[in-house]
N, C-alpha and C. Protein backbone atom coordinates (compact mmCIF):
# COMPACT_ATOMS: atom_id res chain seq x y z
N UNK A 1 254.97 -113.70 46.08
CA UNK A 1 253.77 -113.08 45.56
C UNK A 1 252.58 -114.05 45.61
N UNK A 2 252.82 -115.32 45.28
CA UNK A 2 251.75 -116.32 45.33
C UNK A 2 251.21 -116.47 46.74
N UNK A 3 252.10 -116.39 47.70
CA UNK A 3 251.66 -116.50 49.10
C UNK A 3 250.75 -115.34 49.47
N UNK A 4 251.03 -114.17 48.94
CA UNK A 4 250.19 -113.00 49.23
C UNK A 4 248.79 -113.18 48.64
N UNK A 5 248.71 -113.78 47.48
CA UNK A 5 247.41 -114.03 46.85
C UNK A 5 246.60 -114.99 47.71
N UNK A 6 247.24 -116.04 48.22
CA UNK A 6 246.55 -117.03 49.03
C UNK A 6 246.13 -116.49 50.39
N UNK A 7 246.70 -115.40 50.82
CA UNK A 7 246.33 -114.80 52.10
C UNK A 7 245.14 -113.86 51.96
N UNK A 8 244.80 -113.48 50.74
CA UNK A 8 243.66 -112.59 50.50
C UNK A 8 242.40 -113.46 50.37
N UNK A 9 241.61 -113.53 51.44
CA UNK A 9 240.45 -114.42 51.48
C UNK A 9 239.43 -114.10 50.38
N UNK A 10 239.22 -112.84 50.10
CA UNK A 10 238.25 -112.46 49.07
C UNK A 10 238.71 -112.94 47.68
N UNK A 11 239.99 -112.77 47.38
CA UNK A 11 240.53 -113.21 46.10
C UNK A 11 240.49 -114.73 45.98
N UNK A 12 240.84 -115.43 47.03
CA UNK A 12 240.76 -116.90 47.01
C UNK A 12 239.32 -117.34 46.80
N UNK A 13 238.37 -116.66 47.44
CA UNK A 13 236.96 -116.98 47.25
C UNK A 13 236.52 -116.82 45.81
N UNK A 14 236.98 -115.77 45.17
CA UNK A 14 236.63 -115.54 43.74
C UNK A 14 237.23 -116.62 42.85
N UNK A 15 238.46 -116.99 43.15
CA UNK A 15 239.12 -118.03 42.34
C UNK A 15 238.39 -119.36 42.50
N UNK A 16 238.03 -119.71 43.71
CA UNK A 16 237.31 -120.96 43.97
C UNK A 16 235.94 -120.93 43.28
N UNK A 17 235.24 -119.81 43.37
CA UNK A 17 233.93 -119.70 42.72
C UNK A 17 234.05 -119.84 41.21
N UNK A 18 235.11 -119.26 40.64
CA UNK A 18 235.32 -119.36 39.20
C UNK A 18 235.61 -120.80 38.80
N UNK A 19 236.42 -121.48 39.60
CA UNK A 19 236.83 -122.84 39.27
C UNK A 19 235.71 -123.85 39.46
N UNK A 20 234.70 -123.52 40.25
CA UNK A 20 233.60 -124.44 40.50
C UNK A 20 232.92 -124.79 39.17
N UNK A 21 232.94 -126.03 38.82
CA UNK A 21 232.31 -126.46 37.58
C UNK A 21 233.25 -126.51 36.40
N UNK A 22 234.44 -125.94 36.53
CA UNK A 22 235.40 -125.95 35.43
C UNK A 22 236.31 -127.17 35.60
N UNK A 23 236.17 -128.12 34.75
CA UNK A 23 236.89 -129.38 34.86
C UNK A 23 237.70 -129.60 33.58
N UNK A 24 238.70 -130.45 33.67
CA UNK A 24 239.56 -130.69 32.52
C UNK A 24 238.78 -131.28 31.35
N UNK A 25 237.80 -132.16 31.61
CA UNK A 25 237.03 -132.73 30.50
C UNK A 25 236.19 -131.65 29.82
N UNK A 26 235.69 -130.71 30.59
CA UNK A 26 234.91 -129.60 30.01
C UNK A 26 235.82 -128.71 29.19
N UNK A 27 237.02 -128.45 29.69
CA UNK A 27 237.97 -127.61 28.95
C UNK A 27 238.35 -128.27 27.63
N UNK A 28 238.55 -129.60 27.63
CA UNK A 28 238.92 -130.26 26.38
C UNK A 28 237.77 -130.26 25.37
N UNK A 29 236.54 -130.38 25.88
CA UNK A 29 235.37 -130.33 24.99
C UNK A 29 235.26 -128.96 24.33
N UNK A 30 235.56 -127.93 25.09
CA UNK A 30 235.39 -126.56 24.60
C UNK A 30 236.60 -126.01 23.85
N UNK A 31 237.69 -126.75 23.80
CA UNK A 31 238.90 -126.23 23.16
C UNK A 31 238.68 -125.88 21.69
N UNK A 32 237.94 -126.70 20.98
CA UNK A 32 237.66 -126.41 19.57
C UNK A 32 236.73 -125.20 19.43
N UNK A 33 235.76 -125.11 20.31
CA UNK A 33 234.83 -123.96 20.30
C UNK A 33 235.58 -122.65 20.53
N UNK A 34 236.50 -122.64 21.49
CA UNK A 34 237.23 -121.41 21.81
C UNK A 34 238.18 -121.00 20.70
N UNK A 35 238.52 -121.92 19.82
CA UNK A 35 239.41 -121.60 18.71
C UNK A 35 238.71 -120.99 17.51
N UNK A 36 237.39 -120.92 17.54
CA UNK A 36 236.63 -120.40 16.39
C UNK A 36 236.29 -118.92 16.57
N UNK A 37 236.07 -118.27 15.44
CA UNK A 37 235.59 -116.88 15.44
C UNK A 37 234.17 -116.90 14.88
N UNK A 38 233.30 -116.07 15.45
CA UNK A 38 231.89 -116.08 15.06
C UNK A 38 231.47 -114.68 14.63
N UNK A 39 230.73 -114.63 13.53
CA UNK A 39 230.25 -113.35 13.02
C UNK A 39 229.01 -112.86 13.78
N UNK A 40 228.23 -113.80 14.31
CA UNK A 40 226.97 -113.44 14.97
C UNK A 40 226.85 -114.18 16.30
N UNK A 41 226.15 -113.57 17.24
CA UNK A 41 225.92 -114.19 18.54
C UNK A 41 225.15 -115.50 18.40
N UNK A 42 224.23 -115.55 17.43
CA UNK A 42 223.45 -116.77 17.21
C UNK A 42 224.36 -117.93 16.83
N UNK A 43 225.32 -117.68 15.94
CA UNK A 43 226.27 -118.73 15.54
C UNK A 43 227.13 -119.18 16.71
N UNK A 44 227.52 -118.23 17.54
CA UNK A 44 228.33 -118.54 18.72
C UNK A 44 227.54 -119.41 19.70
N UNK A 45 226.27 -119.08 19.92
CA UNK A 45 225.43 -119.85 20.82
C UNK A 45 225.21 -121.27 20.31
N UNK A 46 224.97 -121.40 19.02
CA UNK A 46 224.77 -122.72 18.41
C UNK A 46 226.04 -123.57 18.56
N UNK A 47 227.19 -122.97 18.27
CA UNK A 47 228.46 -123.69 18.38
C UNK A 47 228.73 -124.12 19.83
N UNK A 48 228.41 -123.24 20.78
CA UNK A 48 228.61 -123.58 22.19
C UNK A 48 227.74 -124.76 22.59
N UNK A 49 226.47 -124.74 22.21
CA UNK A 49 225.57 -125.84 22.54
C UNK A 49 226.02 -127.15 21.92
N UNK A 50 226.50 -127.07 20.69
CA UNK A 50 227.00 -128.29 20.03
C UNK A 50 228.26 -128.80 20.71
N UNK A 51 229.16 -127.88 21.09
CA UNK A 51 230.39 -128.29 21.77
C UNK A 51 230.08 -128.93 23.12
N UNK A 52 229.05 -128.43 23.79
CA UNK A 52 228.66 -128.97 25.10
C UNK A 52 227.78 -130.21 24.99
N UNK A 53 227.56 -130.66 23.76
CA UNK A 53 226.75 -131.86 23.49
C UNK A 53 225.35 -131.74 24.11
N UNK A 54 224.77 -130.55 23.98
CA UNK A 54 223.46 -130.28 24.59
C UNK A 54 222.33 -131.07 23.94
N UNK A 55 222.59 -131.67 22.78
CA UNK A 55 221.57 -132.52 22.16
C UNK A 55 221.49 -133.88 22.86
N UNK A 56 222.53 -134.26 23.59
CA UNK A 56 222.58 -135.56 24.25
C UNK A 56 222.31 -135.48 25.75
N UNK A 57 222.79 -134.43 26.38
CA UNK A 57 222.72 -134.33 27.84
C UNK A 57 222.83 -132.86 28.27
N UNK A 58 222.33 -132.56 29.46
CA UNK A 58 222.52 -131.22 30.01
C UNK A 58 223.67 -131.20 31.03
N UNK A 59 224.33 -132.32 31.19
CA UNK A 59 225.41 -132.43 32.17
C UNK A 59 226.50 -131.38 31.93
N UNK A 60 227.01 -131.29 30.70
CA UNK A 60 228.08 -130.34 30.42
C UNK A 60 227.55 -128.91 30.42
N UNK A 61 226.34 -128.73 29.92
CA UNK A 61 225.73 -127.40 29.90
C UNK A 61 225.57 -126.86 31.32
N UNK A 62 225.06 -127.67 32.23
CA UNK A 62 224.86 -127.20 33.61
C UNK A 62 226.19 -126.90 34.28
N UNK A 63 227.21 -127.71 34.02
CA UNK A 63 228.53 -127.45 34.61
C UNK A 63 229.13 -126.18 34.03
N UNK A 64 228.98 -125.98 32.74
CA UNK A 64 229.51 -124.77 32.11
C UNK A 64 228.82 -123.52 32.68
N UNK A 65 227.51 -123.59 32.79
CA UNK A 65 226.76 -122.43 33.29
C UNK A 65 227.00 -122.18 34.77
N UNK A 66 227.39 -123.21 35.51
CA UNK A 66 227.68 -122.98 36.92
C UNK A 66 228.94 -122.14 37.11
N UNK A 67 229.89 -122.26 36.18
CA UNK A 67 231.10 -121.44 36.29
C UNK A 67 231.06 -120.21 35.38
N UNK A 68 230.05 -120.12 34.53
CA UNK A 68 229.87 -118.96 33.66
C UNK A 68 228.39 -118.55 33.66
N UNK A 69 227.83 -118.20 34.81
CA UNK A 69 226.39 -117.91 34.88
C UNK A 69 225.96 -116.75 33.98
N UNK A 70 226.84 -115.84 33.68
CA UNK A 70 226.51 -114.72 32.81
C UNK A 70 226.28 -115.12 31.37
N UNK A 71 226.64 -116.34 31.03
CA UNK A 71 226.47 -116.81 29.64
C UNK A 71 225.04 -117.23 29.33
N UNK A 72 224.24 -117.43 30.38
CA UNK A 72 222.86 -117.85 30.15
C UNK A 72 222.04 -116.64 29.75
N UNK A 73 221.94 -116.45 28.45
CA UNK A 73 221.21 -115.31 27.89
C UNK A 73 220.18 -115.83 26.90
N UNK A 74 219.33 -114.92 26.44
CA UNK A 74 218.29 -115.30 25.49
C UNK A 74 218.86 -115.99 24.26
N UNK A 75 220.02 -115.55 23.78
CA UNK A 75 220.60 -116.15 22.58
C UNK A 75 220.84 -117.65 22.75
N UNK A 76 221.23 -118.06 23.94
CA UNK A 76 221.50 -119.48 24.19
C UNK A 76 220.21 -120.28 24.20
N UNK A 77 219.18 -119.75 24.83
CA UNK A 77 217.88 -120.43 24.85
C UNK A 77 217.28 -120.44 23.45
N UNK A 78 217.38 -119.33 22.74
CA UNK A 78 216.87 -119.25 21.37
C UNK A 78 217.55 -120.29 20.48
N UNK A 79 218.87 -120.43 20.62
CA UNK A 79 219.62 -121.39 19.81
C UNK A 79 219.21 -122.83 20.14
N UNK A 80 219.04 -123.12 21.43
CA UNK A 80 218.63 -124.48 21.83
C UNK A 80 217.25 -124.80 21.27
N UNK A 81 216.35 -123.82 21.28
CA UNK A 81 215.00 -124.02 20.73
C UNK A 81 215.07 -124.28 19.23
N UNK A 82 215.87 -123.48 18.54
CA UNK A 82 216.02 -123.63 17.09
C UNK A 82 216.59 -125.00 16.73
N UNK A 83 217.52 -125.49 17.55
CA UNK A 83 218.14 -126.79 17.29
C UNK A 83 217.27 -127.96 17.74
N UNK A 84 216.22 -127.66 18.53
CA UNK A 84 215.34 -128.72 19.01
C UNK A 84 215.89 -129.47 20.20
N UNK A 85 216.77 -128.87 20.95
CA UNK A 85 217.38 -129.50 22.12
C UNK A 85 216.43 -129.34 23.32
N UNK A 86 215.43 -130.19 23.39
CA UNK A 86 214.36 -130.05 24.37
C UNK A 86 214.86 -130.02 25.81
N UNK A 87 215.72 -130.97 26.17
CA UNK A 87 216.23 -131.00 27.55
C UNK A 87 216.98 -129.72 27.90
N UNK A 88 217.76 -129.22 26.96
CA UNK A 88 218.52 -127.99 27.20
C UNK A 88 217.57 -126.81 27.35
N UNK A 89 216.52 -126.76 26.54
CA UNK A 89 215.53 -125.68 26.63
C UNK A 89 214.86 -125.72 28.00
N UNK A 90 214.43 -126.90 28.42
CA UNK A 90 213.78 -127.03 29.72
C UNK A 90 214.72 -126.61 30.85
N UNK A 91 215.97 -127.07 30.78
CA UNK A 91 216.93 -126.73 31.82
C UNK A 91 217.15 -125.21 31.89
N UNK A 92 217.41 -124.61 30.75
CA UNK A 92 217.71 -123.17 30.75
C UNK A 92 216.50 -122.33 31.10
N UNK A 93 215.32 -122.75 30.70
CA UNK A 93 214.11 -122.00 31.07
C UNK A 93 213.90 -122.02 32.58
N UNK A 94 214.32 -123.09 33.22
CA UNK A 94 214.20 -123.17 34.66
C UNK A 94 215.25 -122.37 35.41
N UNK A 95 216.30 -121.97 34.71
CA UNK A 95 217.41 -121.27 35.37
C UNK A 95 217.73 -119.91 34.76
N UNK A 96 217.05 -119.54 33.69
CA UNK A 96 217.52 -118.39 32.94
C UNK A 96 216.61 -117.19 32.92
N UNK A 97 216.91 -116.30 32.01
CA UNK A 97 216.15 -115.06 31.88
C UNK A 97 214.79 -115.33 31.24
N UNK A 98 213.90 -114.34 31.25
CA UNK A 98 212.62 -114.50 30.55
C UNK A 98 212.88 -114.78 29.06
N UNK A 99 211.96 -115.49 28.46
CA UNK A 99 212.12 -115.87 27.06
C UNK A 99 211.95 -114.68 26.13
N UNK A 100 212.66 -114.73 25.03
CA UNK A 100 212.47 -113.73 23.98
C UNK A 100 211.39 -114.24 23.03
N UNK A 101 210.95 -113.39 22.13
CA UNK A 101 209.97 -113.80 21.12
C UNK A 101 210.58 -114.74 20.09
N UNK A 102 211.90 -114.84 20.07
CA UNK A 102 212.56 -115.60 19.01
C UNK A 102 212.68 -117.09 19.31
N UNK A 103 212.58 -117.49 20.57
CA UNK A 103 212.73 -118.91 20.90
C UNK A 103 211.64 -119.74 20.23
N UNK A 104 210.40 -119.35 20.40
CA UNK A 104 209.29 -120.13 19.84
C UNK A 104 209.28 -120.04 18.31
N UNK A 105 209.69 -118.91 17.76
CA UNK A 105 209.74 -118.76 16.30
C UNK A 105 210.82 -119.65 15.70
N UNK A 106 211.97 -119.72 16.35
CA UNK A 106 213.05 -120.57 15.84
C UNK A 106 212.69 -122.04 15.88
N UNK A 107 212.05 -122.45 16.97
CA UNK A 107 211.61 -123.85 17.08
C UNK A 107 210.53 -124.15 16.04
N UNK A 108 209.62 -123.21 15.84
CA UNK A 108 208.54 -123.40 14.87
C UNK A 108 209.09 -123.52 13.45
N UNK A 109 210.03 -122.67 13.10
CA UNK A 109 210.63 -122.69 11.75
C UNK A 109 211.28 -124.03 11.45
N UNK A 110 211.89 -124.62 12.48
CA UNK A 110 212.60 -125.89 12.29
C UNK A 110 211.71 -127.11 12.50
N UNK A 111 210.45 -126.89 12.90
CA UNK A 111 209.50 -128.00 13.05
C UNK A 111 209.62 -128.77 14.36
N UNK A 112 210.16 -128.16 15.38
CA UNK A 112 210.32 -128.84 16.68
C UNK A 112 209.06 -128.64 17.52
N UNK A 113 208.06 -129.45 17.24
CA UNK A 113 206.75 -129.32 17.88
C UNK A 113 206.83 -129.48 19.39
N UNK A 114 207.66 -130.39 19.88
CA UNK A 114 207.77 -130.57 21.34
C UNK A 114 208.29 -129.31 22.01
N UNK A 115 209.25 -128.65 21.38
CA UNK A 115 209.81 -127.42 21.94
C UNK A 115 208.78 -126.30 21.85
N UNK A 116 208.09 -126.20 20.72
CA UNK A 116 207.05 -125.17 20.55
C UNK A 116 205.98 -125.34 21.63
N UNK A 117 205.54 -126.56 21.84
CA UNK A 117 204.51 -126.83 22.84
C UNK A 117 205.00 -126.46 24.24
N UNK A 118 206.21 -126.84 24.57
CA UNK A 118 206.76 -126.50 25.88
C UNK A 118 206.84 -124.98 26.06
N UNK A 119 207.39 -124.29 25.06
CA UNK A 119 207.53 -122.84 25.17
C UNK A 119 206.18 -122.14 25.23
N UNK A 120 205.20 -122.70 24.55
CA UNK A 120 203.85 -122.13 24.60
C UNK A 120 203.30 -122.22 26.03
N UNK A 121 203.47 -123.37 26.64
CA UNK A 121 202.91 -123.58 27.97
C UNK A 121 203.77 -122.97 29.08
N UNK A 122 205.07 -122.92 28.87
CA UNK A 122 205.97 -122.41 29.90
C UNK A 122 206.18 -120.90 29.82
N UNK A 123 206.31 -120.42 28.59
CA UNK A 123 206.78 -119.05 28.40
C UNK A 123 205.76 -117.95 28.35
N UNK A 124 204.48 -118.28 28.39
CA UNK A 124 203.43 -117.26 28.30
C UNK A 124 203.67 -116.34 27.10
N UNK A 125 203.61 -116.90 25.90
CA UNK A 125 203.93 -116.11 24.71
C UNK A 125 202.91 -115.01 24.46
N UNK A 126 203.38 -114.00 23.79
CA UNK A 126 202.51 -112.88 23.42
C UNK A 126 201.82 -113.22 22.10
N UNK A 127 200.72 -112.53 21.80
CA UNK A 127 200.10 -112.74 20.49
C UNK A 127 201.10 -112.48 19.35
N UNK A 128 201.96 -111.48 19.54
CA UNK A 128 202.95 -111.15 18.50
C UNK A 128 203.92 -112.32 18.29
N UNK A 129 204.42 -112.90 19.39
CA UNK A 129 205.39 -113.99 19.24
C UNK A 129 204.75 -115.22 18.60
N UNK A 130 203.49 -115.47 18.91
CA UNK A 130 202.79 -116.60 18.28
C UNK A 130 202.54 -116.34 16.81
N UNK A 131 202.23 -115.11 16.46
CA UNK A 131 202.02 -114.76 15.04
C UNK A 131 203.32 -114.92 14.26
N UNK A 132 204.42 -114.46 14.84
CA UNK A 132 205.73 -114.62 14.19
C UNK A 132 206.06 -116.10 14.02
N UNK A 133 205.82 -116.89 15.06
CA UNK A 133 206.08 -118.33 14.99
C UNK A 133 205.22 -119.00 13.92
N UNK A 134 203.94 -118.63 13.85
CA UNK A 134 203.05 -119.19 12.85
C UNK A 134 203.53 -118.83 11.44
N UNK A 135 203.95 -117.59 11.25
CA UNK A 135 204.45 -117.16 9.94
C UNK A 135 205.70 -117.96 9.54
N UNK A 136 206.62 -118.15 10.49
CA UNK A 136 207.85 -118.90 10.21
C UNK A 136 207.53 -120.37 9.89
N UNK A 137 206.66 -120.97 10.69
CA UNK A 137 206.31 -122.38 10.47
C UNK A 137 205.60 -122.55 9.13
N UNK A 138 204.71 -121.62 8.79
CA UNK A 138 203.99 -121.70 7.51
C UNK A 138 204.96 -121.59 6.35
N UNK A 139 205.89 -120.65 6.41
CA UNK A 139 206.87 -120.47 5.33
C UNK A 139 207.75 -121.70 5.17
N UNK A 140 208.08 -122.35 6.29
CA UNK A 140 208.95 -123.54 6.25
C UNK A 140 208.19 -124.83 5.96
N UNK A 141 206.85 -124.75 5.92
CA UNK A 141 206.05 -125.94 5.62
C UNK A 141 205.91 -126.90 6.77
N UNK A 142 205.99 -126.43 7.98
CA UNK A 142 205.91 -127.27 9.17
C UNK A 142 204.44 -127.41 9.59
N UNK A 143 203.72 -128.31 8.91
CA UNK A 143 202.27 -128.42 9.09
C UNK A 143 201.89 -128.77 10.53
N UNK A 144 202.57 -129.69 11.17
CA UNK A 144 202.25 -130.05 12.55
C UNK A 144 202.34 -128.86 13.49
N UNK A 145 203.37 -128.06 13.31
CA UNK A 145 203.55 -126.86 14.13
C UNK A 145 202.48 -125.83 13.79
N UNK A 146 202.18 -125.68 12.51
CA UNK A 146 201.14 -124.74 12.09
C UNK A 146 199.80 -125.13 12.72
N UNK A 147 199.49 -126.40 12.69
CA UNK A 147 198.23 -126.87 13.30
C UNK A 147 198.19 -126.55 14.80
N UNK A 148 199.28 -126.82 15.49
CA UNK A 148 199.34 -126.53 16.92
C UNK A 148 199.15 -125.03 17.18
N UNK A 149 199.89 -124.22 16.46
CA UNK A 149 199.81 -122.77 16.68
C UNK A 149 198.45 -122.21 16.29
N UNK A 150 197.85 -122.77 15.25
CA UNK A 150 196.51 -122.33 14.86
C UNK A 150 195.51 -122.65 15.97
N UNK A 151 195.59 -123.86 16.48
CA UNK A 151 194.65 -124.29 17.52
C UNK A 151 194.85 -123.54 18.83
N UNK A 152 196.06 -123.02 19.06
CA UNK A 152 196.36 -122.31 20.31
C UNK A 152 196.57 -120.80 20.10
N UNK A 153 196.09 -120.29 18.99
CA UNK A 153 196.32 -118.87 18.69
C UNK A 153 195.58 -117.99 19.70
N UNK A 154 196.12 -116.80 19.88
CA UNK A 154 195.54 -115.84 20.81
C UNK A 154 194.74 -114.76 20.07
N UNK A 155 194.88 -114.74 18.75
CA UNK A 155 194.17 -113.78 17.92
C UNK A 155 193.57 -114.51 16.72
N UNK A 156 192.70 -113.81 16.02
CA UNK A 156 192.13 -114.39 14.79
C UNK A 156 193.22 -114.59 13.75
N UNK A 157 193.02 -115.57 12.90
CA UNK A 157 193.95 -115.86 11.83
C UNK A 157 193.94 -114.73 10.82
N UNK A 158 195.11 -114.27 10.44
CA UNK A 158 195.21 -113.23 9.41
C UNK A 158 195.65 -113.87 8.10
N UNK A 159 195.73 -113.08 7.08
CA UNK A 159 196.15 -113.56 5.76
C UNK A 159 197.66 -113.78 5.69
N UNK A 160 198.43 -113.20 6.62
CA UNK A 160 199.89 -113.22 6.55
C UNK A 160 200.47 -114.64 6.54
N UNK A 161 200.08 -115.55 7.44
CA UNK A 161 200.68 -116.89 7.37
C UNK A 161 200.31 -117.64 6.09
N UNK A 162 199.16 -117.33 5.52
CA UNK A 162 198.78 -117.95 4.24
C UNK A 162 199.73 -117.48 3.15
N UNK A 163 200.03 -116.19 3.16
CA UNK A 163 200.99 -115.64 2.19
C UNK A 163 202.39 -116.20 2.42
N UNK A 164 202.76 -116.37 3.69
CA UNK A 164 204.08 -116.95 4.00
C UNK A 164 204.19 -118.37 3.44
N UNK A 165 203.15 -119.16 3.62
CA UNK A 165 203.14 -120.53 3.09
C UNK A 165 203.23 -120.51 1.57
N UNK A 166 202.47 -119.62 0.95
CA UNK A 166 202.48 -119.52 -0.52
C UNK A 166 203.86 -119.08 -1.01
N UNK A 167 204.45 -118.10 -0.35
CA UNK A 167 205.78 -117.62 -0.75
C UNK A 167 206.85 -118.68 -0.55
N UNK A 168 206.66 -119.55 0.42
CA UNK A 168 207.60 -120.63 0.66
C UNK A 168 207.35 -121.86 -0.21
N UNK A 169 206.29 -121.80 -1.04
CA UNK A 169 205.96 -122.94 -1.88
C UNK A 169 205.39 -124.11 -1.12
N UNK A 170 204.75 -123.84 -0.01
CA UNK A 170 204.19 -124.89 0.86
C UNK A 170 202.69 -124.99 0.67
N UNK A 171 202.29 -125.56 -0.42
CA UNK A 171 200.88 -125.62 -0.83
C UNK A 171 200.00 -126.30 0.22
N UNK A 172 200.48 -127.40 0.81
CA UNK A 172 199.67 -128.12 1.80
C UNK A 172 199.37 -127.24 3.03
N UNK A 173 200.33 -126.44 3.44
CA UNK A 173 200.12 -125.53 4.58
C UNK A 173 199.20 -124.38 4.16
N UNK A 174 199.42 -123.89 2.96
CA UNK A 174 198.58 -122.81 2.44
C UNK A 174 197.12 -123.24 2.40
N UNK A 175 196.86 -124.45 1.90
CA UNK A 175 195.48 -124.95 1.82
C UNK A 175 194.87 -125.13 3.22
N UNK A 176 195.64 -125.66 4.13
CA UNK A 176 195.16 -125.84 5.51
C UNK A 176 194.74 -124.50 6.10
N UNK A 177 195.58 -123.51 5.99
CA UNK A 177 195.29 -122.19 6.56
C UNK A 177 194.17 -121.48 5.80
N UNK A 178 194.19 -121.62 4.48
CA UNK A 178 193.16 -120.96 3.66
C UNK A 178 191.75 -121.47 4.03
N UNK A 179 191.63 -122.79 4.22
CA UNK A 179 190.33 -123.36 4.61
C UNK A 179 189.82 -122.77 5.91
N UNK A 180 190.70 -122.59 6.86
CA UNK A 180 190.30 -122.04 8.15
C UNK A 180 190.03 -120.54 8.08
N UNK A 181 190.77 -119.86 7.24
CA UNK A 181 190.58 -118.42 7.08
C UNK A 181 189.22 -118.15 6.42
N UNK A 182 188.91 -118.91 5.38
CA UNK A 182 187.63 -118.73 4.69
C UNK A 182 186.47 -119.08 5.61
N UNK A 183 186.61 -120.18 6.36
CA UNK A 183 185.54 -120.57 7.29
C UNK A 183 185.31 -119.49 8.35
N UNK A 184 186.37 -118.87 8.81
CA UNK A 184 186.24 -117.82 9.83
C UNK A 184 185.58 -116.57 9.27
N UNK A 185 185.84 -116.26 8.00
CA UNK A 185 185.24 -115.06 7.41
C UNK A 185 183.76 -115.27 7.09
N UNK A 186 183.34 -116.53 6.93
CA UNK A 186 181.94 -116.82 6.63
C UNK A 186 181.06 -116.83 7.88
N UNK A 187 181.69 -116.93 9.04
CA UNK A 187 180.91 -116.99 10.29
C UNK A 187 180.30 -115.66 10.63
């Protein structure tokens, strides 16, 4: 039976394509990840990135994606942005699907200004995605990110991020935004 499998050129081609990039060191790295159960896709994506050591290198990530190209989805890019894995974000943005609105918001919430800046310049964000990111950053008290998003906003500042900062107990962000909101209303 094994000989019959090896005589089927199409089947051998599929096996070789699947094996490309799948190495024993990659399998051992992922063994703990494959043993876990995840309630949400976001948790699964975060665990995969951590197992692949995406915070240190894209070597394992690129090898994994070469043998599992269908795994490169928005959830993986969103998770890398949220974790602040800049190299992984850059790599996946160059090889993956269009960005979702959640990548920049996740990075903003966690204060990853380098990732926010990259996604702003690379991803052509919508006014809605920037507003969501500003709201998340304001609520989390990420002043540097708030300043960047304010300076690069596509729409006028609304009261919503000020309320988000106030609800999050982030007085310094609230004051920063309030000063700009009042100045804009006086013009």
